[in-house]
Protein backbone atom coordinates (compact mmCIF):
# COMPACT_ATOMS: atom_id res chain seq x y z
CA MET A 1 11.79 -1.35 -7.03
CA THR A 2 13.90 -2.52 -9.90
CA LEU A 3 15.46 -0.34 -12.55
CA LEU A 4 12.96 -1.76 -15.03
CA GLY A 5 10.07 -0.80 -12.72
CA ASN A 6 11.46 2.71 -12.35
CA ALA A 7 11.76 3.06 -16.12
CA PHE A 8 8.17 1.87 -16.55
CA ILE A 9 6.84 4.36 -14.00
CA ALA A 10 8.92 7.16 -15.57
CA ALA A 11 7.45 6.38 -18.99
CA LEU A 12 3.92 6.47 -17.56
CA SER A 13 4.60 9.78 -15.86
CA ASP A 14 6.32 11.29 -18.90
CA SER A 15 3.37 10.38 -21.14
CA GLY A 16 1.34 13.19 -19.58
CA ASN A 17 -1.64 10.87 -19.17
CA PHE A 18 -1.07 9.52 -15.67
CA ASP A 19 -0.31 10.61 -12.13
CA ILE A 20 1.87 8.29 -10.07
CA LEU A 21 0.30 8.31 -6.62
CA PRO A 22 1.28 9.41 -4.05
CA PHE A 23 3.97 11.44 -5.84
CA GLN A 24 1.82 13.39 -8.30
CA GLN A 25 -1.77 14.55 -8.01
CA ARG A 26 -2.57 16.64 -11.07
CA GLY A 27 -6.00 15.18 -11.83
CA ARG A 28 -4.81 12.66 -14.40
CA THR A 29 -5.58 8.93 -14.43
CA PRO A 30 -4.03 7.55 -11.24
CA VAL A 31 -1.46 4.79 -11.19
CA ILE A 32 -0.66 3.64 -7.68
CA GLU A 33 2.75 2.60 -6.44
CA VAL A 34 2.10 -0.21 -3.96
CA TYR A 35 4.54 -1.26 -1.28
CA PRO A 36 3.42 -4.79 -0.33
CA GLY A 37 5.56 -4.79 2.82
CA HIS A 38 3.88 -1.63 4.07
CA ALA A 39 0.44 -3.03 3.30
CA MET A 40 1.26 -6.19 5.22
CA TRP A 41 2.71 -4.18 8.10
CA ALA A 42 -0.59 -2.26 8.29
CA LEU A 43 -2.38 -5.63 8.56
CA ASN A 44 0.07 -6.83 11.26
CA VAL A 45 1.88 -9.38 9.10
CA ARG A 46 5.54 -9.09 10.02
CA ASN A 47 8.30 -10.81 8.00
CA TYR A 48 5.84 -10.95 5.13
CA LYS A 49 8.44 -12.13 2.61
CA ARG A 50 8.62 -15.43 4.50
CA ARG A 51 4.85 -15.76 4.96
CA PRO A 52 3.06 -15.69 1.59
CA ALA A 53 0.06 -17.75 2.79
CA ASP A 54 -0.45 -15.38 5.74
CA CYS A 55 -0.29 -12.41 3.38
CA ILE A 56 -2.99 -13.88 1.18
CA ASP A 57 -5.14 -14.80 4.19
CA GLU A 58 -4.88 -11.33 5.76
CA ILE A 59 -5.51 -9.27 2.64
CA THR A 60 -8.37 -11.57 1.61
CA SER A 61 -9.90 -11.31 5.10
CA TYR A 62 -9.59 -7.53 4.94
CA LEU A 63 -11.37 -7.46 1.59
CA HIS A 64 -14.18 -9.66 2.91
CA ALA A 65 -14.46 -7.58 6.11
CA ASN A 66 -15.11 -4.60 3.84
CA ASP A 67 -17.81 -6.42 1.83
CA ILE A 68 -15.57 -7.05 -1.17
CA SER A 69 -15.98 -10.59 -2.42
CA LEU A 70 -13.06 -12.34 -4.00
CA ASN A 71 -12.87 -15.84 -5.35
CA LEU A 72 -9.25 -16.86 -5.66
CA ASP A 73 -8.65 -19.86 -7.86
CA PRO A 74 -6.88 -22.56 -5.82
CA THR A 75 -4.21 -22.95 -8.51
CA VAL A 76 -3.43 -19.22 -8.42
CA ARG A 77 -3.25 -19.33 -4.62
CA GLN A 78 -0.90 -22.32 -4.76
CA ILE A 79 1.41 -20.44 -7.12
CA CYS A 80 1.32 -17.34 -4.89
CA GLU A 81 2.28 -19.48 -1.89
CA THR A 82 5.09 -21.43 -3.53
CA TYR A 83 6.66 -19.37 -6.35
CA ASN A 84 9.89 -18.16 -4.77
CA THR A 85 12.25 -16.28 -7.08
CA SER A 86 15.03 -16.13 -4.53
CA SER A 87 17.52 -18.75 -3.48
CA GLY A 88 19.34 -19.77 -0.34
CA THR A 89 17.97 -18.42 2.92
CA SER A 90 16.19 -15.41 1.42
CA SER A 91 12.59 -15.40 0.29
CA ASP A 92 11.00 -13.48 -2.55
CA TYR A 93 7.45 -14.58 -3.24
CA ASP A 94 6.78 -12.27 -6.19
CA ALA A 95 3.41 -13.83 -7.03
CA ALA A 96 2.19 -13.18 -3.47
CA ASP A 97 3.47 -9.60 -3.78
CA ALA A 98 1.52 -9.22 -7.02
CA PHE A 99 -1.62 -10.53 -5.34
CA VAL A 100 -1.23 -8.04 -2.48
CA CYS A 101 -0.74 -5.23 -5.02
CA ALA A 102 -3.88 -6.25 -6.93
CA ALA A 103 -5.88 -6.34 -3.67
CA MET A 104 -4.55 -2.90 -2.73
CA ALA A 105 -5.64 -1.56 -6.11
CA VAL A 106 -9.17 -2.83 -5.41
CA LEU A 107 -9.10 -1.25 -1.95
CA PHE A 108 -7.85 2.03 -3.40
CA ARG A 109 -10.57 2.02 -6.07
CA GLU A 110 -13.19 1.43 -3.36
CA GLY A 111 -11.85 4.29 -1.24
CA LEU A 112 -10.50 1.92 1.42
CA ALA A 113 -6.80 2.63 0.91
CA ARG A 114 -5.06 5.96 0.68
CA PRO A 115 -1.69 7.12 -0.56
CA MET A 116 1.07 7.39 2.02
CA GLU A 117 2.46 10.79 2.83
CA VAL A 118 5.40 11.71 0.65
CA ARG A 119 8.38 12.75 2.71
CA LEU A 120 10.91 15.19 1.33
CA PRO A 121 14.28 13.67 0.51
CA CYS A 122 17.18 14.18 2.92
CA ARG A 123 19.41 17.11 2.24
CA ILE A 124 23.07 17.25 3.15
CA ARG A 125 24.25 20.49 4.66
CA LYS A 126 27.43 21.71 3.09
CA GLY A 127 30.22 22.86 5.28
């Protein structure tokens, strides 16, 4: 998560209108924080940052297996598979990440995805 993303989520939370799931559950309009890597791990796609086409195939198959139809424009798919914002040997297919996040939002809305458990932060014991 970037600093800009954190600032955006903080502004949503501070507005008093939204709950950031899974961190807050006060009965306000939910905004979900999606971790595309975790979603892909749950669908058995390892090294997802290097496999944008596999990510799209798996999440789309999961939607269809749950009777959710999705027609992805071929141009959008091509962008998701090729738009790499990184350089060198690293991969960062942000458009594929965005597609996975959108699919997870649909799954959440349909009751087919749930928030992860929130773990308490580590605490350092003092001397």
